[in-house]
Amino acid sequence: MYGRAMDELTDAELDAYVLTRLKAVGVDLSVLPEDDPDAPADRTRILESARRFLRSTPPAILGFEPDVQEVAPIMYPAALPRHAGAEG
């Protein structure tokens, strides 16, 4: 897969990529039904969604480079000590 754009990969290659990445973090899609329109989630819909995301989103964010001098976002700024930033 290296050296090829995500939109050049076949569905089977992307499915293998997604399943491998999910397995690496402990997610097992085999517990879901294969294709069940009544289920809140099934393997078919999850893999279709992942393929659509991988073919569209990574090219849009690939060139992003954060400004190294910018302050990193803080999830809970109120939790910081008062003296950590502005005077007051």
Protein backbone atom coordinates (compact mmCIF):
# COMPACT_ATOMS: atom_id res chain seq x y z
CA MET A 1 0.00 0.00 0.00
CA TYR A 2 2.92 2.30 0.52
CA GLY A 3 3.48 4.61 -2.41
CA ARG A 4 -0.11 4.29 -3.64
CA ALA A 5 -2.90 6.73 -2.98
CA MET A 6 -5.87 5.40 -1.05
CA ASP A 7 -8.15 6.09 -4.02
CA GLU A 8 -6.03 3.71 -6.14
CA LEU A 9 -6.61 0.74 -3.84
CA THR A 10 -9.32 -1.84 -4.47
CA ASP A 11 -12.17 -2.37 -2.03
CA ALA A 12 -10.57 -5.65 -0.92
CA GLU A 13 -7.22 -3.94 -0.24
CA LEU A 14 -8.87 -1.16 1.76
CA ASP A 15 -10.96 -3.67 3.70
CA ALA A 16 -7.80 -5.59 4.63
CA TYR A 17 -6.12 -2.33 5.68
CA VAL A 18 -9.10 -1.26 7.82
CA LEU A 19 -9.53 -4.68 9.44
CA THR A 20 -5.81 -4.87 10.23
CA ARG A 21 -5.76 -1.41 11.80
CA LEU A 22 -8.87 -2.15 13.84
CA LYS A 23 -7.49 -5.49 14.99
CA ALA A 24 -4.27 -3.76 16.11
CA VAL A 25 -6.28 -1.61 18.53
CA GLY A 26 -8.47 -4.48 19.72
CA VAL A 27 -11.61 -3.94 17.63
CA ASP A 28 -13.19 -7.13 16.28
CA LEU A 29 -15.85 -6.56 13.62
CA SER A 30 -16.58 -10.28 13.38
CA VAL A 31 -19.00 -9.94 16.30
CA LEU A 32 -21.27 -7.81 14.10
CA PRO A 33 -23.69 -9.21 11.53
CA GLU A 34 -22.33 -9.26 7.96
CA ASP A 35 -25.23 -7.36 6.38
CA ASP A 36 -28.34 -6.58 8.41
CA PRO A 37 -30.38 -3.49 7.53
CA ASP A 38 -32.18 -3.72 10.90
CA ALA A 39 -28.95 -3.67 12.91
CA PRO A 40 -27.53 -0.34 14.10
CA ALA A 41 -24.20 -1.37 12.55
CA ASP A 42 -22.97 -4.21 10.39
CA ARG A 43 -19.63 -5.10 8.81
CA THR A 44 -20.74 -4.10 5.31
CA ARG A 45 -21.74 -0.56 6.32
CA ILE A 46 -18.72 -0.03 8.56
CA LEU A 47 -16.28 -1.08 5.83
CA GLU A 48 -18.12 1.02 3.20
CA SER A 49 -17.91 4.04 5.48
CA ALA A 50 -14.22 3.46 6.22
CA ARG A 51 -13.42 3.10 2.50
CA ARG A 52 -15.32 6.31 1.69
CA PHE A 53 -13.44 8.16 4.45
CA LEU A 54 -10.02 6.85 3.39
CA ARG A 55 -10.62 7.72 -0.25
CA SER A 56 -11.77 11.26 0.45
CA THR A 57 -10.37 12.69 3.68
CA PRO A 58 -6.63 11.84 3.85
CA PRO A 59 -5.77 13.75 0.64
CA ALA A 60 -7.45 16.82 2.12
CA ILE A 61 -5.41 16.69 5.35
CA LEU A 62 -2.21 15.21 3.96
CA GLY A 63 -0.50 18.57 3.48
CA PHE A 64 -1.42 19.95 6.90
CA GLU A 65 1.56 21.03 8.95
CA PRO A 66 0.94 22.62 12.33
CA ASP A 67 2.79 25.81 13.15
CA VAL A 68 5.52 24.72 15.56
CA GLN A 69 5.35 28.07 17.36
CA GLU A 70 1.59 27.93 17.86
CA VAL A 71 0.24 26.97 21.27
CA ALA A 72 -1.19 23.47 21.17
CA PRO A 73 -4.95 23.17 21.72
CA ILE A 74 -5.91 22.37 25.29
CA MET A 75 -8.92 20.18 25.92
CA TYR A 76 -9.80 21.65 29.32
CA PRO A 77 -8.19 25.10 29.60
CA ALA A 78 -9.93 25.84 32.92
CA ALA A 79 -7.94 23.04 34.54
CA LEU A 80 -4.64 24.85 33.94
CA PRO A 81 -3.10 26.77 36.82
CA ARG A 82 -3.85 30.45 36.70
CA HIS A 83 -0.16 31.36 36.31
CA ALA A 84 0.33 29.14 33.26
CA GLY A 85 -0.77 31.73 30.76
CA ALA A 86 -2.07 35.25 30.89
CA GLU A 87 -1.56 37.58 33.78
CA GLY A 88 -4.50 38.09 36.05
